[in-house]
Amino acid sequence: MNHTVRKIAVILLFLGHPSAASDPAPDSQPSDTTEIPAEDAPTYNFLGLEAAPIDDTLVTDRPDFTESTLTIPYGRVQLEAGYTYVYDSGDGVRSQAHTYPEMLFRIGLVEDVELRLGWVGWEHTEEVFRTRNDVGRTVGVRDRSDGGGDMDIGFKFHLLDQDGWVPDFGIIVNASIPTGSDAHSSGDVDPGLILLWAYDLTDEFAVAGNVNFAVPTSENGRYFETSTSLSFGYSITDKLGTYVEYFGFYPSDRNQADTHFINGGFTYLITNNFQLDVRVGMGLNDEADDLFTGAGFSWRF
């Protein structure tokens, strides 16, 4: 009797003890999660929305006149801003202008397409000249003007990648909106089209340019304007870059002569998503401004 009780107790103990006989093998245990490779894991922007990963170096549309062919990754935002000082002297008039913050928001909508929202910012201009007053005496006059400039809306499309002798290519379609103060606004919607191209000659050296078509409105009325640019860029280091560029307007205003400029500058990457820039340039003919210079930054997030 005691032997039988002991056998029953051993059987019950075996059945109630966790063992390989009562539990599924580790390899056969069900899993309610699916492992995703790190490279395929989704990334998100600052709003928590899915966005393209940021794994390349920042490319900007400033500080030169030439706009880049590349769009920013979808779901990302890039802010470019800065300050410009312009000086000119001619025909007995000395003028200077300060413009800031020259904001441009670039918003990646889908791959190879971006929305562009720009505002030239606040403009302070001053002209100094001499004239005769009511009693015939020659006096100096200082004429100042302050006000906001027009806003701009547009889209950039990246159309072709560089392939052999075919350059990288894109376009921008845009229009200025008459939102500025009376003295600093064209007073009308002014559309434009920009053809963009770029070609990497080596890993460090590249050439790029734009061909622009616009129908701006000035004090002399609306007119058709073309402009072009040619820019040579060189990467001194992974972070420091430089460029030299020509650009011109043909014509610069209704019934006015063409203007031609040359400028150069430097860019410095603080991080892959934040860049500082400086530039300085000069006019190449009497109709162009004598000097301009400025600085700014670009931030991608």
Protein backbone atom coordinates (compact mmCIF):
# COMPACT_ATOMS: atom_id res chain seq x y z
CA MET A 1 0.00 0.00 0.00
CA ASN A 2 2.73 2.43 0.88
CA HIS A 3 4.58 1.44 -2.32
CA THR A 4 1.47 2.24 -4.41
CA VAL A 5 1.01 5.65 -2.75
CA ARG A 6 4.63 6.49 -3.44
CA LYS A 7 4.22 5.62 -7.16
CA ILE A 8 1.11 7.82 -7.44
CA ALA A 9 2.91 10.71 -5.73
CA VAL A 10 5.87 10.43 -8.15
CA ILE A 11 3.52 10.42 -11.20
CA LEU A 12 1.62 13.49 -9.92
CA LEU A 13 4.88 15.32 -9.22
CA PHE A 14 6.13 14.59 -12.75
CA LEU A 15 2.91 15.78 -14.39
CA GLY A 16 2.84 19.00 -12.38
CA HIS A 17 6.53 19.92 -12.86
CA PRO A 18 7.49 22.16 -15.86
CA SER A 19 9.64 20.11 -18.15
CA ALA A 20 10.51 19.46 -21.76
CA ALA A 21 7.59 17.03 -21.86
CA SER A 22 4.98 19.60 -20.81
CA ASP A 23 6.39 22.84 -22.42
CA PRO A 24 6.94 23.53 -26.11
CA ALA A 25 10.55 23.60 -27.25
CA PRO A 26 12.15 27.04 -27.26
CA ASP A 27 12.37 27.00 -31.05
CA SER A 28 8.66 26.24 -31.34
CA GLN A 29 7.42 29.03 -29.04
CA PRO A 30 5.05 31.40 -30.86
CA SER A 31 6.21 35.05 -31.37
CA ASP A 32 3.96 38.07 -31.68
CA THR A 33 6.68 40.42 -33.01
CA THR A 34 8.36 40.61 -36.40
CA GLU A 35 11.93 41.85 -36.43
CA ILE A 36 12.53 44.66 -38.97
CA PRO A 37 16.03 45.20 -40.38
CA ALA A 38 17.52 48.47 -39.11
CA GLU A 39 17.93 49.83 -42.64
CA ASP A 40 14.20 49.29 -43.35
CA ALA A 41 12.92 50.80 -40.10
CA PRO A 42 10.78 53.91 -40.72
CA THR A 43 12.06 57.36 -39.73
CA TYR A 44 10.00 60.34 -38.64
CA ASN A 45 10.17 64.13 -38.85
CA PHE A 46 9.72 66.64 -36.03
CA LEU A 47 5.92 66.33 -36.31
CA GLY A 48 6.05 62.57 -35.83
CA LEU A 49 5.16 61.89 -39.49
CA GLU A 50 7.00 59.32 -41.55
CA ALA A 51 9.80 60.93 -43.56
CA ALA A 52 12.84 60.02 -45.61
CA PRO A 53 15.98 59.31 -43.57
CA ILE A 54 18.60 62.07 -43.44
CA ASP A 55 21.78 60.26 -44.40
CA ASP A 56 23.40 62.70 -46.83
CA THR A 57 25.18 66.05 -46.57
CA LEU A 58 23.11 69.24 -46.63
CA VAL A 59 22.67 70.86 -50.09
CA THR A 60 21.39 74.46 -50.12
CA ASP A 61 20.16 77.12 -52.54
CA ARG A 62 22.20 79.86 -50.86
CA PRO A 63 24.45 81.84 -50.72
CA ASP A 64 25.02 82.04 -54.48
CA PHE A 65 22.52 83.21 -57.10
CA THR A 66 22.44 79.72 -58.68
CA GLU A 67 19.74 77.41 -57.31
CA SER A 68 20.71 73.74 -56.84
CA THR A 69 19.12 70.97 -58.89
CA LEU A 70 18.37 68.80 -55.85
CA THR A 71 15.22 68.75 -53.76
CA ILE A 72 15.19 68.01 -50.03
CA PRO A 73 14.04 64.56 -48.78
CA TYR A 74 10.28 64.05 -48.50
CA GLY A 75 8.82 64.82 -45.10
CA ARG A 76 11.71 67.13 -44.23
CA VAL A 77 11.86 70.93 -43.90
CA GLN A 78 14.82 73.15 -44.69
CA LEU A 79 15.04 76.79 -43.58
CA GLU A 80 17.50 79.06 -45.39
CA ALA A 81 17.91 82.66 -44.23
CA GLY A 82 20.40 85.52 -44.17
CA TYR A 83 21.26 89.19 -44.53
CA THR A 84 22.48 91.24 -47.53
CA TYR A 85 24.06 94.69 -47.75
CA VAL A 86 24.19 96.50 -51.12
CA TYR A 87 26.09 99.70 -51.99
CA ASP A 88 26.05 101.72 -55.20
CA SER A 89 27.29 105.12 -56.31
CA GLY A 90 26.65 106.84 -59.62
CA ASP A 91 25.17 109.93 -61.29
CA GLY A 92 25.64 111.92 -58.09
CA VAL A 93 23.62 109.47 -55.97
CA ARG A 94 24.97 107.14 -53.27
CA SER A 95 22.61 104.38 -52.17
CA GLN A 96 22.72 101.51 -49.74
CA ALA A 97 20.25 98.80 -48.79
CA HIS A 98 19.93 96.27 -45.97
CA THR A 99 17.71 93.20 -46.45
CA TYR A 100 16.87 90.49 -43.90
CA PRO A 101 15.98 87.74 -43.06
CA GLU A 102 15.65 86.49 -46.68
CA MET A 103 13.73 83.42 -45.53
CA LEU A 104 13.10 80.40 -47.71
CA PHE A 105 11.22 77.35 -46.39
CA ARG A 106 11.77 74.26 -48.52
CA ILE A 107 9.34 71.41 -47.73
CA GLY A 108 9.81 67.93 -49.18
CA LEU A 109 6.41 66.73 -50.44
CA VAL A 110 7.34 63.50 -52.21
CA GLU A 111 10.56 62.19 -53.70
CA ASP A 112 12.06 64.78 -56.11
CA VAL A 113 9.36 67.41 -55.42
CA GLU A 114 9.51 70.26 -52.90
CA LEU A 115 7.28 73.19 -51.96
CA ARG A 116 9.04 76.55 -51.62
CA LEU A 117 7.75 79.41 -49.45
CA GLY A 118 9.92 82.51 -49.49
CA TRP A 119 9.96 86.05 -48.13
CA VAL A 120 12.70 88.50 -48.99
CA GLY A 121 12.04 90.11 -45.62
CA TRP A 122 12.41 93.65 -44.33
CA GLU A 123 14.17 96.16 -46.57
CA HIS A 124 15.83 99.36 -45.41
CA THR A 125 17.09 101.62 -48.22
CA GLU A 126 18.80 104.99 -48.16
CA GLU A 127 19.82 107.41 -50.91
CA VAL A 128 22.08 110.45 -50.47
CA PHE A 129 22.31 113.12 -53.17
CA ARG A 130 22.61 116.87 -53.65
CA THR A 131 19.94 119.14 -55.13
CA ARG A 132 18.93 122.80 -55.19
CA ASN A 133 16.32 124.03 -52.75
CA ASP A 134 13.63 126.67 -53.34
CA VAL A 135 16.07 129.55 -52.90
CA GLY A 136 18.64 128.08 -55.26
CA ARG A 137 21.11 126.76 -52.69
CA THR A 138 22.68 123.32 -53.15
CA VAL A 139 21.80 121.06 -50.23
CA GLY A 140 22.33 117.44 -49.36
CA VAL A 141 19.28 115.17 -49.20
CA ARG A 142 19.01 111.84 -47.42
CA ASP A 143 15.99 109.79 -48.52
CA ARG A 144 15.13 106.71 -46.42
CA SER A 145 12.58 103.98 -47.00
CA ASP A 146 11.63 100.97 -44.86
CA GLY A 147 9.18 98.18 -45.55
CA GLY A 148 8.54 94.50 -46.13
CA GLY A 149 9.10 92.86 -49.48
CA ASP A 150 6.86 90.47 -51.38
CA MET A 151 6.40 86.80 -50.57
CA ASP A 152 7.07 84.00 -53.05
CA ILE A 153 5.58 80.54 -53.58
CA GLY A 154 6.86 77.84 -55.91
CA PHE A 155 7.76 74.21 -56.54
CA LYS A 156 11.04 72.54 -57.42
CA PHE A 157 11.19 69.31 -59.45
CA HIS A 158 14.32 67.19 -59.78
CA LEU A 159 14.01 65.56 -63.20
CA LEU A 160 17.30 63.94 -64.22
CA ASP A 161 20.35 62.47 -62.50
CA GLN A 162 23.80 63.01 -63.96
CA ASP A 163 24.55 60.20 -66.40
CA GLY A 164 27.60 60.28 -68.62
CA TRP A 165 27.57 63.64 -70.40
CA VAL A 166 23.98 64.33 -69.30
CA PRO A 167 23.97 66.78 -66.36
CA ASP A 168 21.77 66.74 -63.28
CA PHE A 169 18.63 68.69 -64.21
CA GLY A 170 15.60 70.25 -62.52
CA ILE A 171 13.14 73.13 -62.77
CA ILE A 172 11.51 75.67 -60.45
CA VAL A 173 8.14 77.27 -61.15
CA ASN A 174 7.25 80.16 -58.88
CA ALA A 175 5.39 83.43 -58.49
CA SER A 176 5.81 86.44 -56.21
CA ILE A 177 2.72 87.54 -54.28
CA PRO A 178 2.15 91.30 -53.72
CA THR A 179 2.23 91.19 -49.92
CA GLY A 180 4.91 93.83 -49.35
CA SER A 181 4.60 97.50 -48.43
CA ASP A 182 3.87 99.99 -51.20
CA ALA A 183 7.46 101.14 -51.66
CA HIS A 184 8.89 97.57 -51.70
CA SER A 185 6.25 95.59 -53.59
CA SER A 186 5.77 95.12 -57.31
CA GLY A 187 2.02 95.42 -56.73
CA ASP A 188 1.20 92.39 -58.89
CA VAL A 189 1.68 88.63 -59.22
CA ASP A 190 4.97 88.02 -61.05
CA PRO A 191 5.48 84.46 -62.37
CA GLY A 192 8.78 82.86 -63.24
CA LEU A 193 10.47 79.69 -64.50
CA ILE A 194 14.03 78.55 -63.71
CA LEU A 195 15.93 75.80 -65.52
CA LEU A 196 18.54 74.17 -63.27
CA TRP A 197 21.57 72.12 -64.24
CA ALA A 198 24.68 70.84 -62.47
CA TYR A 199 27.62 68.60 -63.30
CA ASP A 200 30.15 66.99 -60.94
CA LEU A 201 33.54 67.04 -62.67
CA THR A 202 35.31 65.34 -59.75
CA ASP A 203 34.42 64.45 -56.16
CA GLU A 204 35.56 67.95 -55.09
CA PHE A 205 34.83 70.15 -58.12
CA ALA A 206 31.43 70.90 -59.72
CA VAL A 207 29.92 73.37 -62.15
CA ALA A 208 26.28 74.51 -62.17
CA GLY A 209 24.05 77.14 -63.69
CA ASN A 210 20.55 78.49 -64.13
CA VAL A 211 18.54 79.97 -66.97
CA ASN A 212 15.71 82.15 -65.62
CA PHE A 213 12.62 83.54 -67.30
CA ALA A 214 10.36 86.04 -65.52
CA VAL A 215 7.82 88.80 -66.15
CA PRO A 216 8.37 91.17 -63.19
CA THR A 217 6.62 94.48 -62.59
CA SER A 218 8.57 97.65 -61.79
CA GLU A 219 7.79 101.37 -61.56
CA ASN A 220 8.19 101.45 -65.35
CA GLY A 221 5.63 98.68 -65.92
CA ARG A 222 5.73 94.95 -66.61
CA TYR A 223 8.50 93.56 -68.79
CA PHE A 224 10.07 90.24 -69.85
CA GLU A 225 13.35 89.46 -68.12
CA THR A 226 15.89 86.71 -68.64
CA SER A 227 18.83 85.99 -66.38
CA THR A 228 21.58 83.39 -66.31
CA SER A 229 24.28 82.19 -63.94
CA LEU A 230 27.39 80.04 -64.02
CA SER A 231 28.88 78.83 -60.73
CA PHE A 232 32.03 76.84 -59.97
CA GLY A 233 32.13 75.10 -56.58
CA TYR A 234 35.02 73.39 -54.81
CA SER A 235 35.05 71.30 -51.62
CA ILE A 236 38.18 72.30 -49.69
CA THR A 237 37.42 69.80 -46.92
CA ASP A 238 34.40 67.68 -45.95
CA LYS A 239 33.02 70.72 -44.11
CA LEU A 240 34.45 73.78 -45.90
CA GLY A 241 33.43 74.73 -49.42
CA THR A 242 33.95 77.71 -51.71
CA TYR A 243 32.53 79.02 -54.97
CA VAL A 244 32.92 81.74 -57.59
CA GLU A 245 30.02 82.76 -59.82
CA TYR A 246 28.86 85.04 -62.61
CA PHE A 247 25.22 86.10 -63.02
CA GLY A 248 23.39 88.75 -65.04
CA PHE A 249 19.98 90.20 -65.92
CA TYR A 250 18.96 90.97 -69.51
CA PRO A 251 17.53 93.58 -69.05
CA SER A 252 17.52 94.68 -65.39
CA ASP A 253 14.34 96.78 -65.82
CA ARG A 254 11.92 97.93 -68.48
CA ASN A 255 13.82 99.99 -71.09
CA GLN A 256 17.01 99.67 -69.04
CA ALA A 257 20.44 98.20 -69.78
CA ASP A 258 21.66 94.74 -68.79
CA THR A 259 23.50 94.21 -65.51
CA HIS A 260 26.40 91.83 -64.86
CA PHE A 261 27.85 90.62 -61.55
CA ILE A 262 30.57 88.40 -60.13
CA ASN A 263 30.70 87.04 -56.59
CA GLY A 264 32.25 84.37 -54.42
CA GLY A 265 31.92 82.95 -50.95
CA PHE A 266 32.39 80.15 -48.46
CA THR A 267 30.14 77.59 -46.78
CA TYR A 268 30.90 75.73 -43.56
CA LEU A 269 29.03 72.67 -42.27
CA ILE A 270 28.58 72.72 -38.51
CA THR A 271 26.69 69.42 -38.76
CA ASN A 272 25.21 67.50 -41.70
CA ASN A 273 22.00 69.48 -41.13
CA PHE A 274 23.31 72.99 -40.31
CA GLN A 275 25.47 75.24 -42.47
CA LEU A 276 26.84 78.80 -42.29
CA ASP A 277 27.73 80.92 -45.31
CA VAL A 278 29.31 84.24 -46.33
CA ARG A 279 29.61 85.95 -49.71
CA VAL A 280 30.81 89.14 -51.38
CA GLY A 281 30.38 90.39 -54.92
CA MET A 282 30.56 93.36 -57.26
CA GLY A 283 28.98 94.73 -60.41
CA LEU A 284 30.84 94.42 -63.71
CA ASN A 285 29.27 97.41 -65.47
CA ASP A 286 28.02 100.89 -64.56
CA GLU A 287 24.37 99.82 -64.42
CA ALA A 288 25.08 97.14 -61.80
CA ASP A 289 25.43 97.77 -58.04
CA ASP A 290 29.03 98.45 -57.03
CA LEU A 291 29.19 96.08 -54.06
CA PHE A 292 27.13 93.52 -52.17
CA THR A 293 27.93 91.23 -49.28
CA GLY A 294 26.06 89.05 -46.83
CA ALA A 295 25.93 86.05 -44.54
CA GLY A 296 23.37 83.42 -43.58
CA PHE A 297 22.58 79.89 -42.48
CA SER A 298 20.69 76.81 -43.60
CA TRP A 299 19.02 74.28 -41.27
CA ARG A 300 17.40 70.98 -42.25
CA PHE A 301 15.07 69.18 -39.84
